[in-house]
Protein backbone atom coordinates (compact mmCIF):
# COMPACT_ATOMS: atom_id res chain seq x y z
CA MET A 1 -9.98 -2.88 -26.20
CA LYS A 2 -12.85 -4.91 -24.76
CA ARG A 3 -15.29 -3.03 -26.95
CA ARG A 4 -13.21 -3.80 -30.05
CA PHE A 5 -13.22 -7.51 -29.21
CA LEU A 6 -16.98 -7.47 -28.64
CA ILE A 7 -17.56 -5.76 -31.99
CA LEU A 8 -15.41 -8.35 -33.76
CA ILE A 9 -17.28 -11.16 -32.08
CA VAL A 10 -20.67 -9.70 -33.02
CA ILE A 11 -19.58 -9.24 -36.65
CA THR A 12 -18.26 -12.81 -36.79
CA ALA A 13 -21.50 -14.14 -35.33
CA MET A 14 -23.50 -12.22 -37.89
CA LEU A 15 -21.42 -13.60 -40.75
CA LEU A 16 -21.76 -17.16 -39.46
CA SER A 17 -25.49 -16.67 -39.06
CA GLY A 18 -25.77 -15.52 -42.68
CA CYS A 19 -23.87 -18.55 -43.95
CA THR A 20 -26.10 -20.90 -42.01
CA HIS A 21 -29.21 -19.26 -43.45
CA GLN A 22 -27.94 -19.77 -47.02
CA GLU A 23 -27.08 -23.41 -46.35
CA LYS A 24 -30.58 -24.07 -45.09
CA ALA A 25 -32.04 -22.77 -48.35
CA VAL A 26 -30.17 -25.28 -50.54
CA SER A 27 -29.44 -28.27 -48.32
CA ALA A 28 -30.30 -30.09 -45.12
CA PRO A 29 -29.64 -28.33 -41.80
CA PRO A 30 -25.94 -28.47 -40.79
CA ALA A 31 -24.79 -30.77 -38.02
CA PRO A 32 -24.89 -29.13 -34.55
CA THR A 33 -21.64 -27.47 -33.52
CA GLN A 34 -20.41 -26.35 -30.11
CA GLU A 35 -20.97 -22.62 -29.86
CA VAL A 36 -18.73 -20.34 -27.78
CA LYS A 37 -20.83 -17.55 -26.41
CA PRO A 38 -19.29 -14.07 -26.78
CA ASP A 39 -19.68 -13.41 -23.06
CA ASN A 40 -17.59 -16.48 -22.19
CA VAL A 41 -14.83 -16.42 -24.77
CA TYR A 42 -12.68 -14.27 -22.51
CA ASN A 43 -12.75 -17.00 -19.86
CA THR A 44 -10.84 -19.44 -22.09
CA MET A 45 -7.92 -20.95 -20.18
CA SER A 46 -4.33 -21.30 -21.38
CA GLU A 47 -2.23 -24.42 -21.83
CA THR A 48 -0.34 -23.40 -18.70
CA ALA A 49 -3.57 -23.48 -16.72
CA ALA A 50 -4.38 -26.94 -18.05
CA HIS A 51 -0.90 -28.16 -17.03
CA TYR A 52 -1.44 -27.02 -13.44
CA GLY A 53 -5.06 -28.15 -13.21
CA ILE A 54 -6.56 -24.66 -13.24
CA THR A 55 -9.97 -24.12 -14.81
CA HIS A 56 -12.24 -21.10 -14.92
CA GLU A 57 -14.58 -22.88 -12.55
CA ASN A 58 -11.94 -23.75 -9.94
CA TYR A 59 -9.81 -20.60 -10.28
CA PRO A 60 -8.77 -19.76 -6.71
CA ARG A 61 -9.89 -16.68 -4.82
CA ILE A 62 -6.74 -14.52 -4.72
CA ASP A 63 -6.15 -11.36 -2.69
CA GLY A 64 -3.12 -9.45 -1.45
CA SER A 65 -1.35 -6.18 -0.83
CA THR A 66 -1.29 -3.14 -3.07
CA SER A 67 2.36 -3.78 -3.86
CA THR A 68 1.74 -7.33 -5.11
CA GLN A 69 -1.19 -6.64 -7.43
CA GLY A 70 1.20 -6.94 -10.36
CA ILE A 71 2.04 -10.51 -9.33
CA ALA A 72 -1.67 -11.36 -9.18
CA MET A 73 -1.98 -9.89 -12.69
CA ALA A 74 0.94 -12.03 -13.89
CA ILE A 75 -0.80 -15.14 -12.54
CA ASN A 76 -4.04 -14.24 -14.27
CA GLN A 77 -2.31 -13.47 -17.56
CA ALA A 78 -0.54 -16.84 -17.49
CA MET A 79 -3.75 -18.78 -16.77
CA TYR A 80 -6.13 -17.07 -19.19
CA ARG A 81 -5.85 -16.49 -22.94
CA TYR A 82 -7.61 -13.14 -22.76
CA LEU A 83 -7.13 -10.15 -20.50
CA ASP A 84 -10.84 -9.36 -20.10
CA ASN A 85 -11.69 -12.42 -18.03
CA GLU A 86 -13.97 -12.51 -15.01
CA ASN A 87 -11.12 -13.22 -12.55
CA LEU A 88 -8.93 -10.27 -13.53
CA PRO A 89 -7.65 -8.85 -10.18
CA MET A 90 -8.81 -5.24 -10.47
CA GLU A 91 -8.86 -4.62 -6.70
CA VAL A 92 -7.01 -5.91 -3.64
CA SER A 93 -7.82 -5.71 0.07
CA LYS A 94 -4.29 -4.67 1.20
CA THR A 95 -1.99 -6.62 3.47
CA VAL A 96 -3.65 -7.04 6.87
CA PRO A 97 -7.23 -7.27 5.53
CA SER A 98 -6.01 -9.97 3.12
CA TYR A 99 -4.55 -11.98 5.99
CA LYS A 100 -7.82 -11.60 7.89
CA ARG A 101 -9.80 -12.82 4.87
CA LEU A 102 -7.51 -15.83 4.50
CA ILE A 103 -7.80 -16.70 8.19
CA ALA A 104 -11.58 -16.42 7.91
CA GLY A 105 -11.62 -18.70 4.86
CA GLU A 106 -12.93 -16.01 2.52
CA VAL A 107 -10.03 -16.39 0.06
CA ASP A 108 -7.74 -19.26 -0.93
CA LEU A 109 -4.40 -17.57 -1.61
CA ILE A 110 -2.90 -14.19 -0.75
CA LEU A 111 0.24 -12.47 -2.08
CA VAL A 112 1.72 -10.40 0.73
CA PRO A 113 4.77 -9.39 2.76
CA TYR A 114 5.45 -11.37 5.92
CA PRO A 115 2.79 -10.61 8.58
CA SER A 116 3.08 -8.61 11.76
CA ALA A 117 3.01 -10.25 15.18
CA ALA A 118 -0.61 -9.12 15.58
CA VAL A 119 -1.66 -11.03 12.43
CA LEU A 120 0.21 -14.16 13.54
CA ALA A 121 -1.52 -13.91 16.93
CA LEU A 122 -4.90 -13.61 15.22
CA ALA A 123 -4.21 -16.76 13.19
CA GLN A 124 -3.22 -18.65 16.32
CA GLU A 125 -6.31 -17.47 18.21
CA SER A 126 -8.44 -18.59 15.26
CA GLY A 127 -6.82 -22.03 15.20
CA VAL A 128 -5.42 -21.42 11.71
CA GLU A 129 -1.89 -22.38 10.68
CA LEU A 130 -0.47 -20.37 7.79
CA GLU A 131 1.82 -21.77 5.10
CA PHE A 132 4.33 -19.43 3.43
CA HIS A 133 5.82 -19.85 -0.04
CA PRO A 134 8.45 -17.24 -1.08
CA VAL A 135 7.72 -15.65 -4.43
CA ALA A 136 9.84 -12.52 -4.84
CA ALA A 137 12.47 -10.53 -2.98
CA GLU A 138 11.66 -7.14 -1.46
CA ALA A 139 13.21 -4.64 0.93
CA LEU A 140 12.04 -1.88 3.26
CA ILE A 141 13.60 1.47 2.37
CA PHE A 142 13.57 4.97 3.83
CA ILE A 143 12.94 8.00 1.63
CA THR A 144 13.26 11.78 1.82
CA PRO A 145 13.05 14.58 -0.75
CA ALA A 146 15.80 14.61 -3.37
CA GLU A 147 16.92 18.08 -2.19
CA ASN A 148 17.82 16.76 1.27
CA PRO A 149 21.62 16.31 1.59
CA ALA A 150 21.23 13.66 4.34
CA ASP A 151 22.00 10.23 2.95
CA ASN A 152 21.94 7.66 5.79
CA ILE A 153 19.80 6.52 8.70
CA THR A 154 20.35 3.88 11.38
CA GLY A 155 18.03 1.52 13.18
CA ASP A 156 18.50 3.39 16.46
CA GLN A 157 17.61 6.66 14.76
CA VAL A 158 14.47 5.15 13.22
CA ARG A 159 13.35 3.88 16.62
CA THR A 160 14.10 7.21 18.29
CA ILE A 161 12.10 9.05 15.62
CA TYR A 162 9.03 6.81 15.35
CA LEU A 163 8.76 5.46 18.91
CA ASP A 164 9.83 8.52 20.93
CA TYR A 165 9.44 11.36 18.42
CA GLY A 166 12.89 12.15 19.74
CA ILE A 167 14.66 13.56 16.68
CA ARG A 168 13.14 16.78 15.33
CA SER A 169 15.94 18.12 13.12
CA TRP A 170 17.75 16.64 10.13
CA SER A 171 20.99 18.04 11.55
CA GLU A 172 21.07 14.99 13.87
CA LEU A 173 21.19 12.76 10.79
CA GLY A 174 23.94 14.66 9.01
CA GLY A 175 21.52 16.89 7.12
CA PRO A 176 20.54 20.56 7.31
CA ASP A 177 18.99 22.32 10.30
CA LYS A 178 15.46 21.73 9.01
CA GLU A 179 12.52 20.14 10.80
CA LEU A 180 12.21 16.36 10.34
CA ILE A 181 8.61 15.39 9.56
CA PRO A 182 8.13 11.64 10.16
CA ILE A 183 5.40 10.32 7.84
CA CYS A 184 3.93 6.94 8.83
CA ARG A 185 1.58 4.41 7.24
CA ASN A 186 -1.69 2.99 8.54
CA ALA A 187 -1.42 -0.09 10.71
CA ASP A 188 -2.84 -2.52 8.12
CA SER A 189 -0.35 -1.68 5.37
CA GLY A 190 2.43 -3.99 4.18
CA SER A 191 5.17 -1.42 4.60
CA GLN A 192 4.02 -0.75 8.18
CA SER A 193 4.17 -4.48 8.90
CA GLN A 194 7.73 -4.53 7.57
CA LEU A 195 8.73 -1.55 9.73
CA ASP A 196 7.20 -3.21 12.78
CA ASN A 197 8.85 -6.57 12.08
CA LEU A 198 12.31 -5.40 11.08
CA ILE A 199 12.97 -2.31 13.21
CA LEU A 200 10.27 -1.30 15.71
CA HIS A 201 9.80 -4.88 16.95
CA ASN A 202 6.05 -4.29 17.26
CA GLN A 203 6.38 -1.45 19.77
CA PRO A 204 3.67 1.23 19.42
CA MET A 205 4.48 4.26 17.31
CA HIS A 206 4.38 7.68 18.99
CA PRO A 207 0.73 8.87 19.12
CA LYS A 208 1.52 12.36 17.80
CA ILE A 209 3.03 10.86 14.65
CA GLN A 210 0.06 8.54 14.16
CA LYS A 211 -2.36 11.43 14.66
CA ASN A 212 -0.68 14.12 12.58
CA TYR A 213 1.40 12.43 9.89
CA VAL A 214 -0.32 9.21 8.78
CA GLU A 215 -0.69 8.42 5.06
CA LEU A 216 -3.20 5.78 3.94
CA THR A 217 -1.84 4.77 0.53
CA MET A 218 1.54 3.67 -0.83
CA GLU A 219 1.42 6.16 -3.66
CA GLY A 220 0.39 8.89 -1.26
CA MET A 221 3.44 8.19 0.91
CA LEU A 222 5.76 8.85 -2.04
CA GLU A 223 4.02 12.08 -2.98
CA LEU A 224 3.72 13.37 0.59
CA VAL A 225 7.40 12.81 1.32
CA ALA A 226 8.45 14.40 -1.96
CA PHE A 227 6.33 17.54 -1.66
CA TYR A 228 5.57 18.10 2.04
CA HIS A 229 8.11 20.91 2.37
CA HIS A 230 6.48 22.73 -0.56
CA GLY A 231 3.25 23.00 1.42
CA GLY A 232 1.08 21.07 -1.01
CA LEU A 233 -1.37 22.71 -3.40
CA ASP A 234 -2.82 25.23 -0.97
CA GLY A 235 -0.24 25.49 1.78
CA LYS A 236 2.92 27.53 2.17
CA PRO A 237 6.45 26.14 1.93
CA THR A 238 7.89 25.01 5.25
CA ASP A 239 11.43 24.83 6.56
CA SER A 240 11.33 21.04 6.70
CA TYR A 241 11.99 17.77 4.93
CA ALA A 242 9.83 14.69 5.38
CA LEU A 243 10.98 11.16 6.17
CA GLY A 244 9.00 8.15 5.01
CA TYR A 245 9.32 4.47 4.19
CA THR A 246 8.15 2.20 1.41
CA LEU A 247 9.16 -0.97 -0.45
CA TYR A 248 12.02 -1.07 -2.92
CA THR A 249 10.40 -2.67 -5.96
CA TYR A 250 7.19 -0.69 -5.44
CA LEU A 251 9.12 2.56 -5.74
CA GLN A 252 10.97 1.31 -8.83
CA ASN A 253 7.69 0.30 -10.49
CA MET A 254 5.93 3.56 -9.59
CA ASN A 255 8.86 5.54 -10.94
CA GLU A 256 8.38 3.86 -14.31
CA VAL A 257 4.84 5.26 -14.38
CA THR A 258 5.08 8.64 -12.62
CA GLU A 259 8.83 9.41 -12.43
CA ILE A 260 8.32 10.15 -8.75
CA GLY A 261 11.74 8.65 -8.06
CA SER A 262 13.40 11.79 -9.42
CA ARG A 263 11.80 13.76 -6.58
CA LEU A 264 12.96 11.34 -3.88
CA LYS A 265 16.20 10.13 -2.32
CA ILE A 266 16.56 6.60 -0.97
CA LEU A 267 18.58 6.70 2.24
CA SER A 268 21.26 4.15 3.02
CA PHE A 269 20.54 2.08 6.11
CA GLU A 270 23.38 1.47 8.54
CA GLY A 271 25.75 2.69 5.82
CA VAL A 272 24.53 0.23 3.16
CA GLU A 273 22.72 1.44 0.05
CA PRO A 274 19.58 -0.58 -0.84
CA THR A 275 20.52 -1.68 -4.35
CA GLU A 276 19.49 -4.95 -5.99
CA GLU A 277 23.08 -6.15 -5.67
CA ASN A 278 23.23 -5.41 -1.94
CA ILE A 279 19.85 -7.05 -1.38
CA ALA A 280 21.14 -10.13 -3.23
CA LYS A 281 24.35 -10.31 -1.21
CA GLY A 282 22.41 -9.98 2.02
CA SER A 283 24.41 -6.93 3.04
CA TYR A 284 21.29 -4.76 3.12
CA SER A 285 19.70 -5.89 6.36
CA LEU A 286 16.09 -4.83 5.67
CA ALA A 287 15.57 -7.32 2.84
CA ASP A 288 12.66 -9.73 3.03
CA GLY A 289 10.17 -10.92 0.47
CA TYR A 290 6.69 -11.40 -0.88
CA TYR A 291 4.97 -14.67 -0.13
CA GLY A 292 2.15 -16.75 -1.49
CA VAL A 293 0.26 -17.67 1.67
CA VAL A 294 -2.39 -20.35 2.12
CA ARG A 295 -3.98 -22.06 5.08
CA LYS A 296 -2.09 -25.23 5.92
CA ASP A 297 -5.33 -27.21 5.92
CA LEU A 298 -5.88 -26.43 2.22
CA SER A 299 -6.28 -29.71 0.36
CA ALA A 300 -3.46 -31.00 -1.83
CA GLU A 301 -5.77 -30.95 -4.87
CA HIS A 302 -6.89 -27.36 -4.46
CA SER A 303 -6.28 -25.07 -7.44
CA ALA A 304 -4.43 -22.57 -5.23
CA ARG A 305 -1.69 -25.17 -4.81
CA GLY A 306 -1.47 -25.38 -8.58
CA ILE A 307 -0.88 -21.62 -8.64
CA LEU A 308 1.85 -22.00 -6.00
CA LYS A 309 3.57 -24.65 -8.13
CA TRP A 310 3.48 -22.31 -11.13
CA LEU A 311 4.95 -19.48 -9.02
CA GLN A 312 8.07 -21.62 -8.45
CA SER A 313 8.60 -22.20 -12.18
CA ASP A 314 10.98 -20.45 -14.57
CA GLU A 315 7.98 -19.25 -16.56
CA ALA A 316 6.64 -17.50 -13.46
CA ALA A 317 10.03 -15.99 -12.67
CA ALA A 318 10.16 -14.44 -16.14
CA ALA A 319 6.58 -13.15 -15.86
CA ILE A 320 7.20 -11.67 -12.42
CA LYS A 321 10.44 -10.05 -13.54
CA ALA A 322 8.71 -8.54 -16.58
CA ARG A 323 6.38 -6.74 -14.19
CA GLY A 324 9.24 -5.15 -12.29
CA PHE A 325 9.56 -7.58 -9.39
CA ILE A 326 12.60 -9.52 -8.21
CA PRO A 327 11.80 -13.25 -8.58
CA LYS A 328 13.01 -15.53 -5.83
CA GLN A 329 15.06 -17.55 -8.31
CA ASP A 330 17.32 -14.54 -8.96
CA TRP A 331 18.41 -14.22 -5.35
CA THR A 332 20.15 -17.40 -4.28
CA LYS A 333 21.96 -15.66 -1.45
CA LEU A 334 18.82 -14.23 0.11
CA SER A 335 17.86 -16.28 3.16
CA TRP A 336 14.24 -17.43 3.02
């Protein structure tokens, strides 16, 4: 697509150059006109950006978690007229590294789940006060292969599994007599922060689980849980089913792309199924959200605050929803 645009721009420039040459042959030189260089045309800002005081030059440094990259893309798409602009968010640092970059002053705005106690302690030690602006609803969910007949897990069971490695068979969760393989995430992931905040209360996970069953990516967690019992590409099938955790809208969005959801089952938590309706009612207890986070000492005129104002608008809600997220405006019963 970018190449097509560049070709069109080059052709247009050539045509304009030819016209100018002909005019010079029969008349006085034309009056100077403002030229838009092909390399910069993609950095043209939208009317929305102008309304919120955002320019290409003051566009804020934005980072965040893997799961919120779509929100960063929605912001960029609203502020620029063209997709191929220099601030397109092609990469993110993930949740905890993003918080660390914000605390260090390396970025202006991050889009993330609520932080762990360790991140909040780091901010306090650094003399930095964080400011949180809710953007979209989210929920921590537990997953297992679709073939597993177990359908519910409790907070006590999660703590027994991940803190004590104390449940080794699915039969203790109403499932078959197959080994329970507890997959965990790396400590700087957003879903791990949610597990720590909402269930484990920042107690250390069992070292054998961290050593043997850690997965470093969100997408990898879905695939590992779905196919662990098959033994992977080179292994042999095992008499087991894996248990993992992820974020609700992330799984829904990934399913649209890979259809991985058909290979997974979302477990109820404390007898409540994690549906959008139950998250909205507040009956699903592991609901939280994504936040736009800035340092509290950020000036009132900073462009990042213009982005935060846009994120609270109806236009932003529609853009966020179009990318598969649950905008804050849709969930009036969710306590922020």
